[in-house]
Protein backbone atom coordinates (compact mmCIF):
# COMPACT_ATOMS: atom_id res chain seq x y z
CA ALA A 1 -42.11 -28.99 -0.79
CA LYS A 2 -42.11 -31.13 -3.92
CA THR A 3 -38.70 -32.70 -3.29
CA LYS A 4 -39.00 -32.68 0.53
CA ALA A 5 -35.38 -31.49 0.63
CA THR A 6 -34.17 -29.08 3.31
CA SER A 7 -30.89 -27.21 3.00
CA VAL A 8 -28.98 -24.46 4.80
CA ILE A 9 -27.40 -21.56 2.94
CA ASN A 10 -24.61 -20.34 5.16
CA GLY A 11 -24.78 -16.57 5.25
CA GLN A 12 -22.31 -16.06 8.09
CA GLY A 13 -19.18 -14.38 6.81
CA PRO A 14 -15.73 -15.26 8.18
CA ALA A 15 -13.17 -13.16 10.01
CA PRO A 16 -10.76 -11.14 7.85
CA ARG A 17 -7.59 -13.08 7.13
CA LEU A 18 -5.46 -10.57 9.06
CA ALA A 19 -7.46 -11.04 12.28
CA THR A 20 -5.72 -12.84 15.17
CA PRO A 21 -6.30 -13.17 18.93
CA ALA A 22 -2.94 -11.47 19.53
CA TYR A 23 -4.13 -8.35 17.70
CA PHE A 24 -7.06 -7.92 20.11
CA ALA A 25 -5.34 -9.27 23.24
CA PRO A 26 -4.53 -5.82 24.71
CA GLN A 27 -8.27 -5.06 24.85
CA GLY A 28 -9.25 -8.53 26.01
CA PHE A 29 -12.10 -8.78 23.50
CA VAL A 30 -13.01 -7.89 19.93
CA PRO A 31 -14.67 -4.45 20.00
CA GLY A 32 -18.31 -4.25 19.07
CA ASN A 33 -18.15 -0.94 17.22
CA GLY A 34 -15.96 0.38 14.45
CA PRO A 35 -14.05 -0.97 11.44
CA ASN A 36 -12.92 -4.16 13.21
CA GLY A 37 -16.39 -5.21 14.33
CA GLY A 38 -17.49 -6.81 11.07
CA THR A 39 -16.98 -10.18 9.47
CA VAL A 40 -16.88 -10.39 5.66
CA PRO A 41 -20.33 -9.21 4.45
CA ALA A 42 -22.09 -12.42 3.40
CA MET A 43 -25.76 -11.46 3.16
CA LEU A 44 -25.77 -10.56 -0.53
CA ASP A 45 -23.93 -13.77 -1.45
CA ALA A 46 -26.40 -15.86 0.57
CA MET A 47 -29.44 -14.20 -0.97
CA ALA A 48 -27.99 -14.51 -4.49
CA LEU A 49 -27.30 -18.19 -3.90
CA ALA A 50 -30.82 -18.76 -2.59
CA LEU A 51 -32.25 -16.98 -5.62
CA GLN A 52 -30.11 -19.03 -8.02
CA LEU A 53 -31.05 -22.35 -6.44
CA ASN A 54 -34.69 -21.81 -5.57
CA GLY A 55 -35.96 -18.63 -7.21
CA THR A 56 -37.67 -17.65 -10.44
CA MET A 57 -36.99 -13.90 -10.57
CA SER A 58 -33.94 -11.85 -11.50
CA LEU A 59 -31.69 -10.18 -8.94
CA GLU A 60 -32.66 -6.82 -10.44
CA GLN A 61 -36.33 -7.58 -9.75
CA VAL A 62 -35.91 -8.71 -6.16
CA LEU A 63 -33.65 -5.77 -5.30
CA GLN A 64 -36.25 -3.17 -6.28
CA PRO A 65 -38.09 -3.08 -2.91
CA ALA A 66 -34.75 -2.79 -1.09
CA ILE A 67 -33.74 0.08 -3.36
CA GLU A 68 -37.05 1.82 -2.68
CA LEU A 69 -36.52 1.45 1.08
CA ALA A 70 -32.98 2.81 0.81
CA ASP A 71 -34.37 5.77 -1.13
CA GLY A 72 -36.60 6.46 1.85
CA PHE A 73 -39.04 4.93 4.32
CA VAL A 74 -41.16 6.27 7.16
CA MET A 75 -39.28 6.08 10.47
CA TYR A 76 -41.08 3.89 13.01
CA ASN A 77 -41.07 3.91 16.81
CA PHE A 78 -38.70 1.04 17.60
CA LEU A 79 -36.00 2.19 15.17
CA ALA A 80 -36.32 5.80 16.31
CA GLU A 81 -35.62 4.63 19.87
CA VAL A 82 -32.53 2.79 18.61
CA PHE A 83 -31.21 5.98 17.03
CA VAL A 84 -31.66 7.86 20.33
CA SER A 85 -29.63 5.25 22.22
CA GLN A 86 -26.80 5.03 19.67
CA GLN A 87 -26.09 8.64 18.75
CA LYS A 88 -23.02 8.96 20.98
CA ALA A 89 -21.50 5.62 19.90
CA THR A 90 -22.04 6.42 16.23
CA SER A 91 -20.57 9.92 16.39
CA ARG A 92 -17.01 8.54 16.19
CA TRP A 93 -17.49 7.32 12.60
CA ALA A 94 -18.35 10.13 10.19
CA THR A 95 -19.91 8.10 7.36
CA ALA A 96 -22.25 6.30 9.75
CA TYR A 97 -23.13 9.46 11.65
CA GLU A 98 -23.89 11.40 8.48
CA THR A 99 -26.15 8.57 7.29
CA TYR A 100 -28.03 7.94 10.51
CA TYR A 101 -28.13 11.52 11.82
CA PRO A 102 -28.27 13.79 8.74
CA GLY A 103 -27.33 17.31 9.73
CA GLY A 104 -26.62 16.01 13.23
CA LYS A 105 -30.33 15.57 13.91
CA LEU A 106 -32.13 12.57 15.36
CA PRO A 107 -34.55 10.91 12.94
CA LYS A 108 -38.09 11.27 14.26
CA THR A 109 -40.98 8.85 14.08
CA GLY A 110 -43.03 9.66 10.98
CA GLU A 111 -40.18 11.35 9.09
CA ILE A 112 -38.71 9.97 5.86
CA PHE A 113 -35.35 8.31 6.49
CA ARG A 114 -33.01 8.03 3.49
CA GLN A 115 -29.81 6.08 2.76
CA PRO A 116 -28.64 7.44 -0.62
CA ASN A 117 -25.23 5.75 -0.62
CA LEU A 118 -26.74 2.34 0.07
CA ALA A 119 -29.34 2.95 -2.63
CA ARG A 120 -26.55 3.69 -5.11
CA THR A 121 -24.71 0.49 -4.18
CA LEU A 122 -27.87 -1.59 -4.60
CA ARG A 123 -28.54 0.02 -7.98
CA THR A 124 -25.03 -0.90 -9.12
CA ILE A 125 -25.67 -4.55 -8.22
CA ALA A 126 -29.08 -4.55 -9.90
CA ALA A 127 -27.67 -2.90 -13.03
CA ALA A 128 -24.99 -5.59 -13.37
CA ASP A 129 -27.68 -8.28 -13.26
CA GLY A 130 -29.82 -6.40 -15.80
CA ALA A 131 -26.88 -5.84 -18.16
CA ALA A 132 -25.99 -9.53 -18.07
CA LEU A 133 -29.55 -10.49 -18.95
CA LYS A 134 -29.56 -8.04 -21.86
CA ALA A 135 -26.27 -9.53 -23.05
CA GLY A 136 -27.93 -12.94 -23.33
CA LYS A 137 -26.84 -14.51 -20.04
CA ASP A 138 -29.29 -16.87 -18.35
CA ARG A 139 -30.95 -15.95 -15.03
CA LYS A 140 -28.41 -17.72 -12.81
CA ALA A 141 -25.41 -16.28 -14.65
CA ALA A 142 -26.93 -12.81 -14.44
CA ILE A 143 -27.43 -13.18 -10.69
CA GLN A 144 -23.78 -14.15 -10.43
CA ALA A 145 -22.82 -11.02 -12.35
CA GLY A 146 -24.78 -8.89 -9.90
CA ARG A 147 -23.25 -10.68 -6.97
CA ASP A 148 -19.73 -10.25 -8.39
CA ALA A 149 -20.35 -6.53 -8.89
CA PHE A 150 -20.35 -6.33 -5.10
CA TYR A 151 -17.63 -8.81 -4.15
CA LYS A 152 -15.15 -8.46 -7.01
CA GLY A 153 -15.67 -4.93 -8.30
CA ASP A 154 -15.35 -1.33 -7.28
CA ILE A 155 -17.72 -1.68 -4.30
CA ALA A 156 -15.47 -4.25 -2.61
CA ARG A 157 -12.38 -2.17 -3.37
CA ARG A 158 -13.98 0.87 -1.75
CA ILE A 159 -15.02 -1.19 1.28
CA GLY A 160 -11.50 -2.54 1.71
CA ALA A 161 -9.90 0.87 1.27
CA ALA A 162 -12.28 2.53 3.73
CA VAL A 163 -11.81 -0.13 6.41
CA GLU A 164 -8.01 0.00 6.05
CA LYS A 165 -8.01 3.81 6.20
CA ASP A 166 -10.04 3.69 9.42
CA GLY A 167 -7.69 1.18 11.07
CA GLY A 168 -9.54 -2.04 10.33
CA LEU A 169 -8.25 -5.43 9.17
CA MET A 170 -10.61 -6.29 6.30
CA ARG A 171 -9.22 -5.99 2.78
CA TYR A 172 -10.54 -6.22 -0.76
CA GLU A 173 -9.14 -9.76 -1.02
CA ASP A 174 -11.37 -10.93 1.84
CA LEU A 175 -14.43 -10.00 -0.19
CA ALA A 176 -13.09 -11.07 -3.58
CA THR A 177 -12.31 -14.61 -2.38
CA TYR A 178 -15.47 -15.10 -0.30
CA LYS A 179 -17.90 -17.81 -1.35
CA GLY A 180 -20.89 -19.08 0.64
CA LYS A 181 -21.85 -22.68 1.24
CA VAL A 182 -24.93 -24.87 0.91
CA GLU A 183 -25.03 -27.37 3.76
CA ALA A 184 -27.21 -30.08 5.23
CA PRO A 185 -29.15 -28.94 8.31
CA ALA A 186 -28.65 -30.17 11.84
CA MET A 187 -31.81 -32.12 12.66
CA THR A 188 -33.61 -33.96 15.43
CA SER A 189 -36.98 -35.66 15.78
CA VAL A 190 -38.99 -34.44 18.74
CA PHE A 191 -42.67 -34.76 19.71
CA GLY A 192 -43.35 -36.43 16.34
CA TYR A 193 -41.83 -33.64 14.22
CA GLU A 194 -38.47 -33.10 12.53
CA VAL A 195 -36.82 -29.83 13.53
CA CYS A 196 -34.07 -28.39 11.30
CA LYS A 197 -31.45 -25.81 12.23
CA ALA A 198 -28.15 -24.49 10.87
CA GLY A 199 -24.97 -26.37 11.78
CA PHE A 200 -22.59 -26.09 14.72
CA TRP A 201 -21.13 -22.82 13.42
CA SER A 202 -24.41 -21.43 14.81
CA GLN A 203 -26.06 -21.86 18.19
CA GLY A 204 -29.05 -23.52 16.48
CA PRO A 205 -28.25 -27.12 17.49
CA ALA A 206 -28.49 -26.04 21.15
CA MET A 207 -32.23 -25.66 20.65
CA LEU A 208 -32.44 -29.17 19.20
CA MET A 209 -30.58 -30.45 22.25
CA ALA A 210 -32.79 -28.52 24.70
CA LEU A 211 -35.95 -29.86 23.04
CA SER A 212 -34.64 -33.43 23.25
CA ILE A 213 -33.59 -32.99 26.89
CA ALA A 214 -37.01 -31.59 27.81
CA GLU A 215 -38.74 -34.43 25.96
CA ALA A 216 -36.58 -37.00 27.77
CA ALA A 217 -37.43 -35.30 31.08
CA GLY A 218 -41.13 -35.93 30.45
CA ILE A 219 -42.26 -32.41 29.65
CA GLY A 220 -44.98 -33.75 27.36
CA ALA A 221 -46.89 -34.95 30.44
CA MET A 222 -46.65 -31.60 32.26
CA VAL A 223 -49.11 -28.72 32.22
CA PRO A 224 -47.83 -25.88 30.00
CA GLY A 225 -46.96 -22.84 32.09
CA SER A 226 -46.91 -24.75 35.38
CA ASP A 227 -44.05 -24.67 37.87
CA PRO A 228 -42.68 -28.14 36.90
CA TYR A 229 -42.99 -27.28 33.21
CA LEU A 230 -41.14 -23.96 33.42
CA HIS A 231 -38.50 -25.44 35.73
CA THR A 232 -37.86 -28.24 33.22
CA VAL A 233 -37.67 -25.77 30.35
CA ALA A 234 -35.15 -23.59 32.20
CA GLU A 235 -32.95 -26.51 33.24
CA SER A 236 -32.91 -28.08 29.77
CA ILE A 237 -31.84 -24.73 28.30
CA LYS A 238 -29.01 -24.40 30.83
CA LEU A 239 -27.64 -27.84 29.98
CA ALA A 240 -27.84 -27.28 26.22
CA PHE A 241 -26.21 -23.86 26.36
CA ASP A 242 -23.39 -25.08 28.59
CA ASP A 243 -22.63 -27.60 25.85
CA ARG A 244 -22.92 -24.85 23.25
CA ASN A 245 -20.11 -22.92 24.87
CA ALA A 246 -18.01 -26.02 25.53
CA PHE A 247 -18.19 -27.65 22.09
CA PHE A 248 -19.67 -25.44 19.32
CA GLY A 249 -17.53 -23.76 16.68
CA ASP A 250 -16.96 -23.58 12.93
CA PRO A 251 -16.53 -27.27 11.96
CA ASP A 252 -13.96 -26.27 9.34
CA PHE A 253 -11.67 -25.28 12.23
CA ALA A 254 -12.99 -27.03 15.36
CA THR A 255 -13.60 -30.72 16.08
CA VAL A 256 -17.27 -30.83 17.10
CA PRO A 257 -18.89 -34.04 18.44
CA ALA A 258 -22.04 -33.33 16.42
CA LYS A 259 -23.41 -36.88 16.41
CA GLY A 260 -23.00 -37.24 20.16
CA LEU A 261 -24.48 -33.85 20.98
CA LEU A 262 -27.65 -34.62 18.99
CA SER A 263 -28.04 -38.24 20.09
CA LYS A 264 -31.12 -39.21 22.07
CA GLY A 265 -28.97 -41.24 24.46
CA TYR A 266 -26.98 -38.15 25.34
CA ALA A 267 -30.21 -36.14 25.77
CA ALA A 268 -31.53 -38.78 28.19
CA GLN A 269 -28.28 -38.67 30.15
CA ARG A 270 -28.45 -34.89 30.38
CA ALA A 271 -32.14 -34.99 31.37
CA ARG A 272 -31.26 -37.11 34.41
CA LEU A 273 -29.29 -34.13 35.75
CA ILE A 274 -32.50 -32.12 36.14
CA GLY A 275 -33.44 -32.24 39.80
CA PRO A 276 -36.10 -30.47 41.86
CA MET A 277 -33.86 -27.44 42.45
CA ALA A 278 -32.40 -24.91 40.04
CA SER A 279 -28.80 -25.55 39.10
CA LEU A 280 -26.48 -22.63 39.79
CA GLU A 281 -23.45 -24.27 38.18
CA HIS A 282 -22.31 -24.67 34.58
CA ARG A 283 -22.41 -28.35 33.64
CA PHE A 284 -21.11 -29.42 30.25
CA GLY A 285 -21.31 -33.12 29.43
CA ASP A 286 -19.32 -35.76 27.55
CA PRO A 287 -20.95 -36.13 24.11
CA TRP A 288 -17.87 -37.99 22.87
CA ALA A 289 -19.15 -41.06 24.70
CA PHE A 290 -22.09 -41.04 22.25
CA GLU A 291 -19.93 -40.22 19.24
CA GLY A 292 -18.55 -43.73 18.90
CA LYS A 293 -14.98 -42.57 19.46
CA PRO A 294 -12.93 -41.13 22.33
CA ARG A 295 -12.82 -37.44 23.12
CA THR A 296 -10.31 -35.71 20.86
CA THR A 297 -10.40 -32.23 22.37
CA PRO A 298 -10.97 -31.03 25.94
CA PRO A 299 -14.21 -29.22 26.70
CA PHE A 300 -13.85 -25.46 26.92
CA THR A 301 -14.93 -23.77 30.13
CA PRO A 302 -15.51 -20.04 29.57
CA HIS A 303 -14.28 -17.67 32.24
CA SER A 304 -17.06 -16.35 34.44
CA ILE A 305 -17.57 -12.63 33.98
CA GLN A 306 -20.25 -10.99 36.10
CA ARG A 307 -21.17 -8.18 33.72
CA LYS A 308 -23.85 -7.54 31.19
CA ALA A 309 -23.12 -7.79 27.48
CA GLY A 310 -23.68 -5.00 25.00
CA PRO A 311 -27.14 -4.22 23.62
CA THR A 312 -28.63 -6.55 21.02
CA ALA A 313 -31.31 -5.06 18.79
CA ASP A 314 -30.26 -5.05 15.17
CA THR A 315 -31.64 -8.40 14.05
CA THR A 316 -34.84 -9.32 12.31
CA ALA A 317 -36.47 -12.52 11.09
CA VAL A 318 -38.24 -13.30 7.82
CA GLU A 319 -40.35 -16.45 7.50
CA VAL A 320 -42.16 -17.33 4.27
CA VAL A 321 -44.47 -20.04 2.98
CA ASP A 322 -45.51 -19.90 -0.67
CA ARG A 323 -48.48 -21.37 -2.55
CA HIS A 324 -46.55 -24.58 -3.19
CA GLY A 325 -45.84 -25.07 0.51
CA ASN A 326 -42.15 -24.20 0.23
CA LEU A 327 -40.72 -22.81 3.47
CA PHE A 328 -38.03 -20.13 3.87
CA SER A 329 -36.49 -19.05 7.19
CA CYS A 330 -33.92 -16.25 7.43
CA THR A 331 -32.45 -14.25 10.33
CA PRO A 332 -30.61 -11.20 8.90
CA SER A 333 -28.57 -9.15 11.35
CA SER A 334 -25.85 -6.56 11.75
CA GLY A 335 -25.16 -7.76 15.29
CA TRP A 336 -26.49 -5.03 17.52
CA LEU A 337 -27.66 -1.49 17.17
CA LEU A 338 -26.83 0.18 13.85
CA GLY A 339 -24.42 -2.51 12.70
CA GLY A 340 -21.44 -1.63 14.83
CA ALA A 341 -21.97 2.10 14.26
CA TYR A 342 -19.71 1.87 11.22
CA ILE A 343 -20.37 2.26 7.48
CA ALA A 344 -17.57 1.54 5.00
CA GLY A 345 -16.79 4.80 3.23
CA ASP A 346 -19.32 6.02 0.69
CA THR A 347 -20.75 2.53 -0.03
CA GLY A 348 -23.59 2.84 2.47
CA VAL A 349 -22.81 -0.70 3.68
CA PRO A 350 -22.92 -1.18 7.49
CA MET A 351 -20.18 -3.63 8.46
CA SER A 352 -21.86 -5.29 11.48
CA ASN A 353 -20.21 -6.33 14.73
CA ARG A 354 -20.38 -10.12 14.48
CA MET A 355 -16.60 -10.36 15.06
CA THR A 356 -17.21 -9.70 18.74
CA VAL A 357 -18.79 -13.17 19.03
CA PHE A 358 -15.35 -14.79 18.73
CA ASP A 359 -13.41 -15.89 21.81
CA LEU A 360 -9.74 -14.99 22.24
CA ASP A 361 -8.93 -18.00 24.44
CA PRO A 362 -6.97 -20.51 22.29
CA GLU A 363 -8.73 -23.43 24.02
CA SER A 364 -12.16 -22.32 22.82
CA PRO A 365 -13.72 -24.07 19.79
CA ASN A 366 -14.89 -20.57 18.89
CA VAL A 367 -11.45 -18.94 19.07
CA LEU A 368 -10.76 -16.23 16.51
CA VAL A 369 -8.92 -17.39 13.38
CA GLY A 370 -8.69 -15.50 10.09
CA GLY A 371 -11.11 -17.05 7.59
CA LYS A 372 -13.17 -18.73 10.33
CA ARG A 373 -16.89 -18.20 10.94
CA PRO A 374 -17.87 -17.04 14.45
CA ARG A 375 -20.40 -19.14 16.32
CA THR A 376 -23.32 -16.96 15.44
CA THR A 377 -26.47 -16.54 17.53
CA LEU A 378 -28.53 -16.21 14.33
CA SER A 379 -30.82 -19.20 14.22
CA PRO A 380 -33.49 -19.70 11.54
CA CYS A 381 -35.63 -22.81 11.92
CA ILE A 382 -37.76 -25.09 9.75
CA VAL A 383 -40.06 -27.81 11.10
CA LEU A 384 -41.31 -30.79 9.09
CA LYS A 385 -44.12 -33.25 9.80
CA ASP A 386 -43.52 -36.68 8.27
CA GLY A 387 -41.04 -35.04 5.92
CA ALA A 388 -43.54 -32.45 4.67
CA PRO A 389 -43.31 -28.67 5.30
CA PHE A 390 -44.93 -27.61 8.57
CA LEU A 391 -43.46 -24.36 9.93
CA ALA A 392 -40.75 -21.76 9.40
CA ILE A 393 -40.02 -19.78 12.55
CA GLY A 394 -37.45 -17.27 13.76
CA THR A 395 -36.79 -14.27 15.97
CA PRO A 396 -34.26 -11.58 16.83
CA GLY A 397 -32.79 -11.60 20.32
CA GLY A 398 -29.11 -12.64 20.33
CA ASP A 399 -28.52 -15.49 22.79
CA ASN A 400 -32.27 -15.50 23.49
CA GLN A 401 -33.26 -16.61 19.99
CA ASP A 402 -33.29 -20.37 20.42
CA GLN A 403 -34.80 -20.18 23.88
CA GLN A 404 -37.70 -18.16 22.54
CA ILE A 405 -38.27 -20.32 19.47
CA MET A 406 -38.23 -23.32 21.81
CA ASN A 407 -40.82 -21.64 24.07
CA VAL A 408 -43.20 -21.49 21.12
CA LEU A 409 -42.37 -24.80 19.44
CA ARG A 410 -42.94 -26.86 22.58
CA ARG A 411 -46.47 -25.54 22.89
CA VAL A 412 -47.22 -26.13 19.20
CA LEU A 413 -45.49 -29.50 18.75
CA ALA A 414 -46.05 -31.18 22.12
CA PHE A 415 -49.45 -29.75 23.00
CA GLY A 416 -51.02 -28.77 19.68
CA GLN A 417 -51.68 -25.18 20.71
CA PRO A 418 -52.70 -22.67 18.01
CA LEU A 419 -49.68 -20.87 16.58
CA GLN A 420 -50.65 -17.33 17.58
CA ALA A 421 -51.69 -18.43 21.07
CA ALA A 422 -48.34 -20.17 21.53
CA ILE A 423 -46.50 -17.01 20.42
CA GLU A 424 -48.45 -14.81 22.84
CA ALA A 425 -48.18 -17.17 25.84
CA PRO A 426 -46.09 -15.94 28.80
CA ARG A 427 -42.37 -16.59 28.39
CA ILE A 428 -39.24 -17.22 30.40
CA ASN A 429 -35.62 -16.65 29.37
CA SER A 430 -32.56 -18.02 31.17
CA ASN A 431 -29.47 -15.82 31.54
CA HIS A 432 -27.57 -18.79 32.98
CA CYS A 433 -25.05 -18.95 30.16
CA HIS A 434 -21.90 -17.24 29.01
CA GLY A 435 -23.20 -14.75 26.48
CA SER A 436 -21.92 -14.36 22.96
CA PHE A 437 -21.22 -10.65 22.60
CA MET A 438 -18.03 -8.78 23.46
CA VAL A 439 -17.97 -8.85 27.27
CA LYS A 440 -19.44 -12.33 27.77
CA LYS A 441 -22.24 -11.92 30.30
CA ASP A 442 -22.96 -14.70 32.78
CA GLU A 443 -25.74 -14.61 35.38
CA PRO A 444 -25.94 -18.05 37.04
CA GLY A 445 -29.46 -19.00 38.02
CA VAL A 446 -31.07 -15.81 36.70
CA LEU A 447 -34.39 -16.46 34.99
CA GLU A 448 -36.25 -13.66 33.24
CA ILE A 449 -39.99 -14.21 33.56
CA GLU A 450 -42.94 -12.18 32.31
CA ASP A 451 -45.32 -11.01 35.01
CA ARG A 452 -48.27 -12.69 33.30
CA VAL A 453 -46.93 -15.95 34.75
CA PRO A 454 -49.17 -16.39 37.83
CA ALA A 455 -47.72 -15.25 41.15
CA ASP A 456 -48.00 -18.72 42.71
CA VAL A 457 -45.98 -20.23 39.85
CA ARG A 458 -43.34 -17.53 40.22
CA ALA A 459 -43.18 -18.20 43.96
CA ALA A 460 -42.74 -21.93 43.35
CA LEU A 461 -39.91 -21.28 40.89
CA ALA A 462 -38.21 -18.97 43.38
CA ALA A 463 -38.52 -21.68 46.03
CA ARG A 464 -36.65 -24.01 43.67
CA GLY A 465 -33.75 -21.56 43.66
CA HIS A 466 -34.35 -19.69 40.40
CA LYS A 467 -33.28 -16.05 40.68
CA LEU A 468 -36.28 -14.39 39.08
CA ASP A 469 -36.01 -11.19 37.09
CA VAL A 470 -39.67 -10.24 36.69
CA LEU A 471 -40.36 -8.36 33.46
CA GLY A 472 -43.44 -6.63 32.08
CA PRO A 473 -46.30 -8.60 30.51
CA PHE A 474 -44.50 -8.96 27.16
CA GLY A 475 -41.01 -8.06 28.37
CA VAL A 476 -38.74 -10.81 27.06
CA SER A 477 -36.43 -9.53 24.30
CA THR A 478 -37.75 -11.35 21.26
CA GLY A 479 -39.96 -10.91 18.21
CA ILE A 480 -41.17 -14.27 16.91
CA VAL A 481 -42.57 -14.57 13.40
CA ALA A 482 -43.71 -17.82 11.82
CA ALA A 483 -45.32 -19.12 8.63
CA GLY A 484 -46.36 -22.62 7.73
CA VAL A 485 -48.75 -25.20 6.34
CA VAL A 486 -51.69 -26.72 8.22
CA PRO A 487 -51.42 -30.53 7.88
CA GLY A 488 -54.41 -32.08 6.15
CA PRO A 489 -56.17 -29.20 4.42
CA GLY A 490 -52.85 -27.68 3.36
CA THR A 491 -53.97 -24.14 4.10
CA LEU A 492 -51.32 -21.56 4.96
CA ARG A 493 -50.97 -19.83 8.32
CA GLY A 494 -48.76 -17.32 10.07
CA GLY A 495 -48.17 -15.74 13.44
CA ALA A 496 -46.38 -12.66 14.77
CA ASP A 497 -45.16 -11.48 18.16
CA VAL A 498 -46.45 -8.44 20.01
CA ARG A 499 -43.14 -8.06 21.87
CA ARG A 500 -41.69 -6.10 18.95
CA GLU A 501 -43.11 -4.59 15.79
CA ARG A 502 -43.72 -7.96 14.10
CA TYR A 503 -46.30 -8.54 11.37
CA VAL A 504 -47.77 -11.39 9.34
CA PHE A 505 -49.09 -10.87 5.81
CA GLY A 506 -50.97 -13.21 3.50
CA TRP A 507 -52.23 -12.87 -0.04
């Protein structure tokens, strides 16, 4: 808040160096479960880097609550339902099954759930930090010692050995050589605010594009929740996500027309494609015309696959505002349920299934390459007002994340609605995009809509050609949480979704 600087700590790990499209070609996709589902674990590195750059506490101190939770917490309804759905998938991998289903039994709501191996790993990291402090190292050096205890010590060796034993591609060297990045955010100004997202290795810029397209289409003059409003929202999302699939990828490996994609001229051009009827086609644009140079790579057109993707429910979101007005937005995830149903040996570390986000088509900007970051769906968000902190906001939900954050932000930024009211307002969610996970779902024209949207509005949307999938009153898969600063008085505020077990705390 004091410096008015916003940065992105990249916590998306890369593919193992041995990973290639040819290796997975016989299956046609990267599997979502098992030892090949995970990218290099990057969460600890990202958190250590954030603590070094912006924190005041030691790594040992901040790990204590995590250690306590690994020692045991009370099982809650949503997670208990996850365990029911994933027991069969997890049974193939003994270390995961023994952790999640001790004695072969389903964890029940209200029981104490324990992860002793993970607790031991976390204690090893904390002890390395504490030992470095006792040896006279400063706080940042001690954090590095704790971080290195994971990536360069016995933990990483055991992870590499376990993955190799189980037929996976990750090795100790992938962890030992990993180092996260601090980057500038992707940004746009919309409705008088500056919205910040992660770069084009994430899907975050698609939300910036959709907001700009909707603004250019005149959504600020529409009635929130009306037929024209929801139609414009849906069509702007379609256009932005078509460009996501055509152009987004790790900029270290793919040539991304970032300037053109985020330009207001391009947004205005895309907005002119929004007509009175729902589009049932995928329409990527030509952002290179707004880049100031000719197109250097052809746009990628994903193959249409008329099947649903795998389940997505292993993500959370943490949004923080402190007494100084500093904002923090983080979207931790293992991919989907139970982190790929695989835990590396006796480390207690779930290896995720983010590898399945990669494409195998060599023409894709998101094609699998060893050492490359997949185009993640994880999408934290920070909003500024005149350069000052305003709001941190995020949600789980896979491909839905940016759509759902956009649903809320439009109401807050363009119409000044109260934060909690904007979170609870009826939502839509377009499935008109090639999904990110494993079997890439695509449902042209399908629009999920909560049944609290009035029947006459739903009828009008159907008349426009939207294929409505009517959900329950809070049925969209999301779980928004937000924290921020009220301009003027500078008081702090927060909001939390009722669509999942989301909470807001203040003290």
